[in-house]
Structures are given as structure tokens and as C-alpha cells.
Amino acid sequence: MHVNEVPLKEGREALPETYHELIEFGILASRKDPFDPMEKALKQVGDDYLARTEHLHQDCEILQEYLLSGELLAMSCVWRSPENRLVIATKGAPQARKNSIREDESDENIITF
């Protein structure tokens, strides 16, 4: 695997709003202290482009991490906000994410990527 590093420069254009939520939940679905290159890149983009937005959740507490395994090809993180709101963010194989959603759940609060 090869990872290219692209330096982010001052005076760069703002990240379009359409990507904010994608980056936000990519970060939330990652370990709080990432070691994976993709998770590190997501965190860096968040730090560089979303620092002054509502999309970073430095004040949230991570309650549980469900790591990738042979049986479950997805990773999930459960977070609690200061308002005591729970947020579950998942990333992984599409079939793993689909199987984790109950049929009676509303899709309105589910973001997939």
C-alpha cells in the first residue's frame, strides 16, 4: 500500500459544505487516536477544514469502539455528546453496514459512505 501525502497550504479554498458531513462521520467512525493512514487523513482534513464548524466533536466522549473483525467487516464507534445524545458512526463493507440496520429503523438519521 502506498500513501501519498498532499500538503495543505494556507489560503486554500474552503471545503465545500457538501463534504462536511461525510468528513464528520468518517472521523466519528474512526478511532479517537487513529493509527490507520486513512483515519489519520480524515482527522487531518477535519482539523484543517472543519475546525471552526459544528462538524467536529471535540467535546464528545467515546463510549465504545467495535473494531473490524472476520465476522463483521465494519467498525463502529459510539459517542456521547455533552447534551447526553448518543451518536453511532459506522464504516466498512456495504453488506456489513446494511446488516447492522434493523428493518424497522428510519433511514433519516443514517448516513452511509
Foldseek 3Di string as FASTA:
>chain_A
DDDDDDDDDPPDDADDPVCLQVLLLLQQQADVDDDDPVNVVSVVCCVVHVVPHPSHQPQKDWDDWDDADPVAFKIWTWIAHPVRDIDIGMAGDPVNVVVVDDPPDDCPRPDYD
